[in-house]
Amino acid sequence: MSIRGITIICFILVFYPGHCFGQAQGCFERDSTGGLVLESHLSFGDSHAFFVGEFHDVAHVPEIKLALIKYLHEHCDINAVFMEIGKSAAYLY
């Protein structure tokens, strides 16, 4: 690819307004039993699916996944979850 092509692509990426948006975030906090809970004021009323990306070098990943599952069950009436995890973790969840 030529320098001109790379320049055009960079220009488009920088100045194209697009229709992308950032999702409001929640916060994981400890509850009275020491477990993690997701505190969020997000509305998932129009959502039909939830995608959770893979993340590395983050402490407490199993607890974060469990807190997310509990949040979705309690606030969104989700009772089926498909997630890439091991058999023993799936049994515990």
PDB file of N, CA and C in Angstrom:
ATOM      1  N   MET A   1       0.850  -1.173   0.000  1.00  0.00           N
ATOM      2  CA  MET A   1       0.000   0.000   0.000  1.00  0.00           C
ATOM      3  C   MET A   1       0.897   1.237   0.000  1.00  0.00           C
ATOM      4  N   SER A   2       0.486   2.219  -0.733  1.00  0.00           N
ATOM      5  CA  SER A   2       1.287   3.434  -0.863  1.00  0.00           C
ATOM      6  C   SER A   2       1.120   4.338   0.354  1.00  0.00           C
ATOM      7  N   ILE A   3       2.000   5.280   0.475  1.00  0.00           N
ATOM      8  CA  ILE A   3       1.937   6.274   1.558  1.00  0.00           C
ATOM      9  C   ILE A   3       0.633   7.053   1.463  1.00  0.00           C
ATOM     10  N   ARG A   4       0.210   7.353   0.243  1.00  0.00           N
ATOM     11  CA  ARG A   4      -1.044   8.106   0.055  1.00  0.00           C
ATOM     12  C   ARG A   4      -2.230   7.293   0.586  1.00  0.00           C
ATOM     13  N   GLY A   5      -2.255   5.984   0.302  1.00  0.00           N
ATOM     14  CA  GLY A   5      -3.337   5.125   0.783  1.00  0.00           C
ATOM     15  C   GLY A   5      -3.373   5.059   2.299  1.00  0.00           C
ATOM     16  N   ILE A   6      -2.209   4.925   2.906  1.00  0.00           N
ATOM     17  CA  ILE A   6      -2.127   4.887   4.372  1.00  0.00           C
ATOM     18  C   ILE A   6      -2.585   6.213   4.966  1.00  0.00           C
ATOM     19  N   THR A   7      -2.191   7.315   4.332  1.00  0.00           N
ATOM     20  CA  THR A   7      -2.603   8.641   4.812  1.00  0.00           C
ATOM     21  C   THR A   7      -4.115   8.797   4.745  1.00  0.00           C
ATOM     22  N   ILE A   8      -4.722   8.343   3.668  1.00  0.00           N
ATOM     23  CA  ILE A   8      -6.193   8.444   3.529  1.00  0.00           C
ATOM     24  C   ILE A   8      -6.890   7.605   4.588  1.00  0.00           C
ATOM     25  N   ILE A   9      -6.410   6.395   4.806  1.00  0.00           N
ATOM     26  CA  ILE A   9      -7.015   5.530   5.825  1.00  0.00           C
ATOM     27  C   ILE A   9      -6.891   6.167   7.204  1.00  0.00           C
ATOM     28  N   CYS A  10      -5.723   6.699   7.534  1.00  0.00           N
ATOM     29  CA  CYS A  10      -5.532   7.365   8.829  1.00  0.00           C
ATOM     30  C   CYS A  10      -6.450   8.577   8.962  1.00  0.00           C
ATOM     31  N   PHE A  11      -6.584   9.346   7.906  1.00  0.00           N
ATOM     32  CA  PHE A  11      -7.462  10.516   7.921  1.00  0.00           C
ATOM     33  C   PHE A  11      -8.903  10.100   8.181  1.00  0.00           C
ATOM     34  N   ILE A  12      -9.349   9.051   7.516  1.00  0.00           N
ATOM     35  CA  ILE A  12     -10.725   8.572   7.706  1.00  0.00           C
ATOM     36  C   ILE A  12     -10.937   8.102   9.140  1.00  0.00           C
ATOM     37  N   LEU A  13      -9.981   7.350   9.669  1.00  0.00           N
ATOM     38  CA  LEU A  13     -10.118   6.835  11.027  1.00  0.00           C
ATOM     39  C   LEU A  13     -10.144   7.941  12.073  1.00  0.00           C
ATOM     40  N   VAL A  14      -9.389   8.981  11.844  1.00  0.00           N
ATOM     41  CA  VAL A  14      -9.310  10.067  12.817  1.00  0.00           C
ATOM     42  C   VAL A  14     -10.518  10.997  12.734  1.00  0.00           C
ATOM     43  N   PHE A  15     -10.958  11.322  11.525  1.00  0.00           N
ATOM     44  CA  PHE A  15     -11.972  12.358  11.376  1.00  0.00           C
ATOM     45  C   PHE A  15     -13.375  11.848  11.048  1.00  0.00           C
ATOM     46  N   TYR A  16     -13.549  10.570  10.786  1.00  0.00           N
ATOM     47  CA  TYR A  16     -14.878  10.047  10.492  1.00  0.00           C
ATOM     48  C   TYR A  16     -15.672   9.976  11.781  1.00  0.00           C
ATOM     49  N   PRO A  17     -16.830  10.636  11.834  1.00  0.00           N
ATOM     50  CA  PRO A  17     -17.581  10.659  13.094  1.00  0.00           C
ATOM     51  C   PRO A  17     -18.157   9.305  13.458  1.00  0.00           C
ATOM     52  N   GLY A  18     -18.567   8.524  12.487  1.00  0.00           N
ATOM     53  CA  GLY A  18     -19.075   7.180  12.755  1.00  0.00           C
ATOM     54  C   GLY A  18     -20.299   7.157  13.653  1.00  0.00           C
ATOM     55  N   HIS A  19     -20.786   5.982  13.843  1.00  0.00           N
ATOM     56  CA  HIS A  19     -21.949   5.784  14.707  1.00  0.00           C
ATOM     57  C   HIS A  19     -21.593   4.847  15.850  1.00  0.00           C
ATOM     58  N   CYS A  20     -20.379   4.911  16.284  1.00  0.00           N
ATOM     59  CA  CYS A  20     -19.942   4.094  17.406  1.00  0.00           C
ATOM     60  C   CYS A  20     -20.141   4.874  18.695  1.00  0.00           C
ATOM     61  N   PHE A  21     -20.342   4.141  19.758  1.00  0.00           N
ATOM     62  CA  PHE A  21     -20.492   4.797  21.048  1.00  0.00           C
ATOM     63  C   PHE A  21     -19.888   3.904  22.113  1.00  0.00           C
ATOM     64  N   GLY A  22     -19.481   4.512  23.185  1.00  0.00           N
ATOM     65  CA  GLY A  22     -18.956   3.750  24.302  1.00  0.00           C
ATOM     66  C   GLY A  22     -20.073   3.377  25.251  1.00  0.00           C
ATOM     67  N   GLN A  23     -19.986   2.196  25.765  1.00  0.00           N
ATOM     68  CA  GLN A  23     -20.998   1.734  26.707  1.00  0.00           C
ATOM     69  C   GLN A  23     -20.699   2.306  28.086  1.00  0.00           C
ATOM     70  N   ALA A  24     -21.736   2.754  28.745  1.00  0.00           N
ATOM     71  CA  ALA A  24     -21.552   3.228  30.121  1.00  0.00           C
ATOM     72  C   ALA A  24     -21.046   2.060  30.960  1.00  0.00           C
ATOM     73  N   GLN A  25     -20.255   2.355  31.914  1.00  0.00           N
ATOM     74  CA  GLN A  25     -19.632   1.274  32.669  1.00  0.00           C
ATOM     75  C   GLN A  25     -20.303   1.057  34.010  1.00  0.00           C
ATOM     76  N   GLY A  26     -20.058  -0.100  34.547  1.00  0.00           N
ATOM     77  CA  GLY A  26     -20.487  -0.436  35.894  1.00  0.00           C
ATOM     78  C   GLY A  26     -19.254  -0.506  36.770  1.00  0.00           C
ATOM     79  N   CYS A  27     -19.462  -0.874  37.999  1.00  0.00           N
ATOM     80  CA  CYS A  27     -18.361  -0.924  38.947  1.00  0.00           C
ATOM     81  C   CYS A  27     -18.495  -2.197  39.768  1.00  0.00           C
ATOM     82  N   PHE A  28     -17.441  -2.950  39.885  1.00  0.00           N
ATOM     83  CA  PHE A  28     -17.442  -4.138  40.724  1.00  0.00           C
ATOM     84  C   PHE A  28     -17.021  -3.731  42.127  1.00  0.00           C
ATOM     85  N   GLU A  29     -17.848  -4.093  43.105  1.00  0.00           N
ATOM     86  CA  GLU A  29     -17.559  -3.766  44.494  1.00  0.00           C
ATOM     87  C   GLU A  29     -17.713  -5.014  45.344  1.00  0.00           C
ATOM     88  N   ARG A  30     -17.144  -5.008  46.513  1.00  0.00           N
ATOM     89  CA  ARG A  30     -17.263  -6.121  47.459  1.00  0.00           C
ATOM     90  C   ARG A  30     -18.556  -5.975  48.247  1.00  0.00           C
ATOM     91  N   ASP A  31     -19.266  -7.104  48.431  1.00  0.00           N
ATOM     92  CA  ASP A  31     -20.471  -7.080  49.259  1.00  0.00           C
ATOM     93  C   ASP A  31     -20.112  -7.452  50.699  1.00  0.00           C
ATOM     94  N   SER A  32     -21.102  -7.624  51.555  1.00  0.00           N
ATOM     95  CA  SER A  32     -20.851  -7.889  52.970  1.00  0.00           C
ATOM     96  C   SER A  32     -20.210  -9.250  53.208  1.00  0.00           C
ATOM     97  N   THR A  33     -20.346 -10.182  52.253  1.00  0.00           N
ATOM     98  CA  THR A  33     -19.733 -11.502  52.412  1.00  0.00           C
ATOM     99  C   THR A  33     -18.343 -11.571  51.785  1.00  0.00           C
ATOM    100  N   GLY A  34     -17.891 -10.491  51.161  1.00  0.00           N
ATOM    101  CA  GLY A  34     -16.576 -10.454  50.544  1.00  0.00           C
ATOM    102  C   GLY A  34     -16.578 -10.796  49.069  1.00  0.00           C
ATOM    103  N   GLY A  35     -17.736 -11.144  48.506  1.00  0.00           N
ATOM    104  CA  GLY A  35     -17.826 -11.455  47.088  1.00  0.00           C
ATOM    105  C   GLY A  35     -17.979 -10.190  46.253  1.00  0.00           C
ATOM    106  N   LEU A  36     -17.704 -10.307  44.985  1.00  0.00           N
ATOM    107  CA  LEU A  36     -17.856  -9.165  44.081  1.00  0.00           C
ATOM    108  C   LEU A  36     -19.299  -9.073  43.590  1.00  0.00           C
ATOM    109  N   VAL A  37     -19.795  -7.856  43.488  1.00  0.00           N
ATOM    110  CA  VAL A  37     -21.105  -7.590  42.895  1.00  0.00           C
ATOM    111  C   VAL A  37     -20.931  -6.464  41.880  1.00  0.00           C
ATOM    112  N   LEU A  38     -21.738  -6.510  40.835  1.00  0.00           N
ATOM    113  CA  LEU A  38     -21.703  -5.467  39.809  1.00  0.00           C
ATOM    114  C   LEU A  38     -22.729  -4.415  40.169  1.00  0.00           C
ATOM    115  N   GLU A  39     -22.271  -3.185  40.356  1.00  0.00           N
ATOM    116  CA  GLU A  39     -23.150  -2.054  40.611  1.00  0.00           C
ATOM    117  C   GLU A  39     -23.256  -1.263  39.320  1.00  0.00           C
ATOM    118  N   SER A  40     -24.444  -1.194  38.749  1.00  0.00           N
ATOM    119  CA  SER A  40     -24.605  -0.498  37.488  1.00  0.00           C
ATOM    120  C   SER A  40     -26.027   0.025  37.373  1.00  0.00           C
ATOM    121  N   HIS A  41     -26.169   1.105  36.661  1.00  0.00           N
ATOM    122  CA  HIS A  41     -27.484   1.681  36.391  1.00  0.00           C
ATOM    123  C   HIS A  41     -27.800   1.593  34.908  1.00  0.00           C
ATOM    124  N   LEU A  42     -27.181   0.623  34.238  1.00  0.00           N
ATOM    125  CA  LEU A  42     -27.423   0.422  32.812  1.00  0.00           C
ATOM    126  C   LEU A  42     -28.787  -0.202  32.599  1.00  0.00           C
ATOM    127  N   SER A  43     -29.422   0.159  31.523  1.00  0.00           N
ATOM    128  CA  SER A  43     -30.705  -0.439  31.160  1.00  0.00           C
ATOM    129  C   SER A  43     -30.466  -1.420  30.027  1.00  0.00           C
ATOM    130  N   PHE A  44     -30.772  -2.681  30.265  1.00  0.00           N
ATOM    131  CA  PHE A  44     -30.604  -3.706  29.252  1.00  0.00           C
ATOM    132  C   PHE A  44     -31.938  -4.111  28.638  1.00  0.00           C
ATOM    133  N   GLY A  45     -32.954  -3.274  28.752  1.00  0.00           N
ATOM    134  CA  GLY A  45     -34.297  -3.609  28.287  1.00  0.00           C
ATOM    135  C   GLY A  45     -34.394  -3.936  26.814  1.00  0.00           C
ATOM    136  N   ASP A  46     -33.598  -3.299  25.971  1.00  0.00           N
ATOM    137  CA  ASP A  46     -33.660  -3.542  24.529  1.00  0.00           C
ATOM    138  C   ASP A  46     -32.635  -4.574  24.064  1.00  0.00           C
ATOM    139  N   SER A  47     -31.884  -5.147  24.982  1.00  0.00           N
ATOM    140  CA  SER A  47     -30.818  -6.074  24.602  1.00  0.00           C
ATOM    141  C   SER A  47     -31.354  -7.493  24.465  1.00  0.00           C
ATOM    142  N   HIS A  48     -30.805  -8.199  23.480  1.00  0.00           N
ATOM    143  CA  HIS A  48     -31.188  -9.589  23.270  1.00  0.00           C
ATOM    144  C   HIS A  48     -30.014 -10.535  23.485  1.00  0.00           C
ATOM    145  N   ALA A  49     -28.825  -9.996  23.544  1.00  0.00           N
ATOM    146  CA  ALA A  49     -27.636 -10.820  23.736  1.00  0.00           C
ATOM    147  C   ALA A  49     -26.563  -9.983  24.424  1.00  0.00           C
ATOM    148  N   PHE A  50     -25.698 -10.658  25.117  1.00  0.00           N
ATOM    149  CA  PHE A  50     -24.588 -10.011  25.803  1.00  0.00           C
ATOM    150  C   PHE A  50     -23.313 -10.701  25.382  1.00  0.00           C
ATOM    151  N   PHE A  51     -22.332  -9.935  24.973  1.00  0.00           N
ATOM    152  CA  PHE A  51     -21.054 -10.486  24.576  1.00  0.00           C
ATOM    153  C   PHE A  51     -19.998  -9.970  25.542  1.00  0.00           C
ATOM    154  N   VAL A  52     -19.247 -10.882  26.094  1.00  0.00           N
ATOM    155  CA  VAL A  52     -18.176 -10.521  27.007  1.00  0.00           C
ATOM    156  C   VAL A  52     -16.873 -10.942  26.353  1.00  0.00           C
ATOM    157  N   GLY A  53     -15.996  -9.998  26.158  1.00  0.00           N
ATOM    158  CA  GLY A  53     -14.723 -10.291  25.518  1.00  0.00           C
ATOM    159  C   GLY A  53     -13.759 -10.966  26.476  1.00  0.00           C
ATOM    160  N   GLU A  54     -12.752 -11.527  25.887  1.00  0.00           N
ATOM    161  CA  GLU A  54     -11.720 -12.195  26.655  1.00  0.00           C
ATOM    162  C   GLU A  54     -10.807 -11.138  27.269  1.00  0.00           C
ATOM    163  N   PHE A  55     -10.404 -11.332  28.496  1.00  0.00           N
ATOM    164  CA  PHE A  55      -9.484 -10.387  29.105  1.00  0.00           C
ATOM    165  C   PHE A  55      -8.441 -11.146  29.906  1.00  0.00           C
ATOM    166  N   HIS A  56      -7.233 -10.601  29.924  1.00  0.00           N
ATOM    167  CA  HIS A  56      -6.088 -11.242  30.566  1.00  0.00           C
ATOM    168  C   HIS A  56      -5.435 -10.265  31.533  1.00  0.00           C
ATOM    169  N   ASP A  57      -4.621 -10.822  32.411  1.00  0.00           N
ATOM    170  CA  ASP A  57      -3.860 -10.029  33.383  1.00  0.00           C
ATOM    171  C   ASP A  57      -4.758  -9.160  34.252  1.00  0.00           C
ATOM    172  N   VAL A  58      -5.928  -9.685  34.576  1.00  0.00           N
ATOM    173  CA  VAL A  58      -6.864  -8.998  35.457  1.00  0.00           C
ATOM    174  C   VAL A  58      -7.083  -9.902  36.664  1.00  0.00           C
ATOM    175  N   ALA A  59      -6.984  -9.345  37.841  1.00  0.00           N
ATOM    176  CA  ALA A  59      -7.198 -10.134  39.051  1.00  0.00           C
ATOM    177  C   ALA A  59      -8.678 -10.463  39.219  1.00  0.00           C
ATOM    178  N   HIS A  60      -8.962 -11.585  39.809  1.00  0.00           N
ATOM    179  CA  HIS A  60     -10.313 -11.992  40.197  1.00  0.00           C
ATOM    180  C   HIS A  60     -11.241 -12.251  39.009  1.00  0.00           C
ATOM    181  N   VAL A  61     -10.734 -12.801  37.910  1.00  0.00           N
ATOM    182  CA  VAL A  61     -11.553 -13.056  36.726  1.00  0.00           C
ATOM    183  C   VAL A  61     -12.739 -13.966  37.038  1.00  0.00           C
ATOM    184  N   PRO A  62     -12.571 -15.094  37.763  1.00  0.00           N
ATOM    185  CA  PRO A  62     -13.738 -15.931  38.066  1.00  0.00           C
ATOM    186  C   PRO A  62     -14.805 -15.186  38.872  1.00  0.00           C
ATOM    187  N   GLU A  63     -14.374 -14.354  39.803  1.00  0.00           N
ATOM    188  CA  GLU A  63     -15.334 -13.581  40.591  1.00  0.00           C
ATOM    189  C   GLU A  63     -16.062 -12.548  39.734  1.00  0.00           C
ATOM    190  N   ILE A  64     -15.364 -11.944  38.799  1.00  0.00           N
ATOM    191  CA  ILE A  64     -15.981 -10.960  37.906  1.00  0.00           C
ATOM    192  C   ILE A  64     -17.036 -11.631  37.042  1.00  0.00           C
ATOM    193  N   LYS A  65     -16.706 -12.807  36.496  1.00  0.00           N
ATOM    194  CA  LYS A  65     -17.673 -13.542  35.674  1.00  0.00           C
ATOM    195  C   LYS A  65     -18.899 -13.929  36.493  1.00  0.00           C
ATOM    196  N   LEU A  66     -18.683 -14.406  37.715  1.00  0.00           N
ATOM    197  CA  LEU A  66     -19.808 -14.779  38.571  1.00  0.00           C
ATOM    198  C   LEU A  66     -20.669 -13.569  38.903  1.00  0.00           C
ATOM    199  N   ALA A  67     -20.060 -12.432  39.194  1.00  0.00           N
ATOM    200  CA  ALA A  67     -20.822 -11.216  39.493  1.00  0.00           C
ATOM    201  C   ALA A  67     -21.646 -10.777  38.282  1.00  0.00           C
ATOM    202  N   LEU A  68     -21.077 -10.902  37.088  1.00  0.00           N
ATOM    203  CA  LEU A  68     -21.815 -10.549  35.875  1.00  0.00           C
ATOM    204  C   LEU A  68     -22.999 -11.489  35.665  1.00  0.00           C
ATOM    205  N   ILE A  69     -22.788 -12.787  35.870  1.00  0.00           N
ATOM    206  CA  ILE A  69     -23.874 -13.758  35.717  1.00  0.00           C
ATOM    207  C   ILE A  69     -24.990 -13.462  36.710  1.00  0.00           C
ATOM    208  N   LYS A  70     -24.637 -13.197  37.949  1.00  0.00           N
ATOM    209  CA  LYS A  70     -25.656 -12.887  38.966  1.00  0.00           C
ATOM    210  C   LYS A  70     -26.413 -11.614  38.617  1.00  0.00           C
ATOM    211  N   TYR A  71     -25.689 -10.602  38.146  1.00  0.00           N
ATOM    212  CA  TYR A  71     -26.334  -9.339  37.783  1.00  0.00           C
ATOM    213  C   TYR A  71     -27.336  -9.547  36.659  1.00  0.00           C
ATOM    214  N   LEU A  72     -26.926 -10.255  35.617  1.00  0.00           N
ATOM    215  CA  LEU A  72     -27.820 -10.496  34.486  1.00  0.00           C
ATOM    216  C   LEU A  72     -29.039 -11.315  34.894  1.00  0.00           C
ATOM    217  N   HIS A  73     -28.848 -12.259  35.809  1.00  0.00           N
ATOM    218  CA  HIS A  73     -29.985 -13.061  36.274  1.00  0.00           C
ATOM    219  C   HIS A  73     -30.960 -12.228  37.099  1.00  0.00           C
ATOM    220  N   GLU A  74     -30.433 -11.439  38.009  1.00  0.00           N
ATOM    221  CA  GLU A  74     -31.289 -10.659  38.908  1.00  0.00           C
ATOM    222  C   GLU A  74     -31.977  -9.487  38.213  1.00  0.00           C
ATOM    223  N   HIS A  75     -31.275  -8.817  37.307  1.00  0.00           N
ATOM    224  CA  HIS A  75     -31.816  -7.595  36.708  1.00  0.00           C
ATOM    225  C   HIS A  75     -32.400  -7.783  35.317  1.00  0.00           C
ATOM    226  N   CYS A  76     -32.019  -8.853  34.634  1.00  0.00           N
ATOM    227  CA  CYS A  76     -32.462  -9.041  33.244  1.00  0.00           C
ATOM    228  C   CYS A  76     -33.170 -10.367  33.033  1.00  0.00           C
ATOM    229  N   ASP A  77     -33.366 -11.124  34.108  1.00  0.00           N
ATOM    230  CA  ASP A  77     -34.043 -12.420  34.060  1.00  0.00           C
ATOM    231  C   ASP A  77     -33.366 -13.375  33.079  1.00  0.00           C
ATOM    232  N   ILE A  78     -32.042 -13.332  33.028  1.00  0.00           N
ATOM    233  CA  ILE A  78     -31.259 -14.239  32.181  1.00  0.00           C
ATOM    234  C   ILE A  78     -31.019 -15.518  32.974  1.00  0.00           C
ATOM    235  N   ASN A  79     -31.325 -16.665  32.378  1.00  0.00           N
ATOM    236  CA  ASN A  79     -31.079 -17.916  33.086  1.00  0.00           C
ATOM    237  C   ASN A  79     -30.274 -18.908  32.256  1.00  0.00           C
ATOM    238  N   ALA A  80     -29.758 -18.484  31.128  1.00  0.00           N
ATOM    239  CA  ALA A  80     -28.874 -19.322  30.316  1.00  0.00           C
ATOM    240  C   ALA A  80     -27.682 -18.480  29.876  1.00  0.00           C
ATOM    241  N   VAL A  81     -26.488 -19.019  30.092  1.00  0.00           N
ATOM    242  CA  VAL A  81     -25.271 -18.290  29.771  1.00  0.00           C
ATOM    243  C   VAL A  81     -24.350 -19.209  28.980  1.00  0.00           C
ATOM    244  N   PHE A  82     -23.809 -18.705  27.887  1.00  0.00           N
ATOM    245  CA  PHE A  82     -22.804 -19.426  27.114  1.00  0.00           C
ATOM    246  C   PHE A  82     -21.499 -18.676  27.278  1.00  0.00           C
ATOM    247  N   MET A  83     -20.495 -19.370  27.823  1.00  0.00           N
ATOM    248  CA  MET A  83     -19.247 -18.704  28.144  1.00  0.00           C
ATOM    249  C   MET A  83     -18.102 -19.693  27.994  1.00  0.00           C
ATOM    250  N   GLU A  84     -16.969 -19.221  27.552  1.00  0.00           N
ATOM    251  CA  GLU A  84     -15.802 -20.085  27.430  1.00  0.00           C
ATOM    252  C   GLU A  84     -15.127 -20.210  28.795  1.00  0.00           C
ATOM    253  N   ILE A  85     -15.403 -21.324  29.455  1.00  0.00           N
ATOM    254  CA  ILE A  85     -14.798 -21.597  30.752  1.00  0.00           C
ATOM    255  C   ILE A  85     -14.583 -23.102  30.879  1.00  0.00           C
ATOM    256  N   GLY A  86     -13.860 -23.492  31.865  1.00  0.00           N
ATOM    257  CA  GLY A  86     -13.622 -24.914  32.108  1.00  0.00           C
ATOM    258  C   GLY A  86     -14.839 -25.597  32.715  1.00  0.00           C
ATOM    259  N   LYS A  87     -14.828 -26.930  32.694  1.00  0.00           N
ATOM    260  CA  LYS A  87     -15.959 -27.702  33.220  1.00  0.00           C
ATOM    261  C   LYS A  87     -16.188 -27.472  34.707  1.00  0.00           C
ATOM    262  N   SER A  88     -15.118 -27.416  35.475  1.00  0.00           N
ATOM    263  CA  SER A  88     -15.270 -27.253  36.925  1.00  0.00           C
ATOM    264  C   SER A  88     -15.835 -25.868  37.260  1.00  0.00           C
ATOM    265  N   ALA A  89     -15.389 -24.828  36.555  1.00  0.00           N
ATOM    266  CA  ALA A  89     -15.932 -23.481  36.796  1.00  0.00           C
ATOM    267  C   ALA A  89     -17.396 -23.417  36.389  1.00  0.00           C
ATOM    268  N   ALA A  90     -17.744 -24.063  35.275  1.00  0.00           N
ATOM    269  CA  ALA A  90     -19.146 -24.073  34.829  1.00  0.00           C
ATOM    270  C   ALA A  90     -20.026 -24.752  35.863  1.00  0.00           C
ATOM    271  N   TYR A  91     -19.553 -25.823  36.448  1.00  0.00           N
ATOM    272  CA  TYR A  91     -20.318 -26.519  37.484  1.00  0.00           C
ATOM    273  C   TYR A  91     -20.535 -25.616  38.693  1.00  0.00           C
ATOM    274  N   LEU A  92     -19.499 -24.913  39.106  1.00  0.00           N
ATOM    275  CA  LEU A  92     -19.607 -24.026  40.265  1.00  0.00           C
ATOM    276  C   LEU A  92     -20.537 -22.840  39.979  1.00  0.00           C
ATOM    277  N   TYR A  93     -20.460 -22.286  38.740  1.00  0.00           N
ATOM    278  CA  TYR A  93     -21.342 -21.176  38.410  1.00  0.00           C
ATOM    279  C   TYR A  93     -22.767 -21.657  38.382  1.00  0.00           C
TER     280      TYR A  93
END
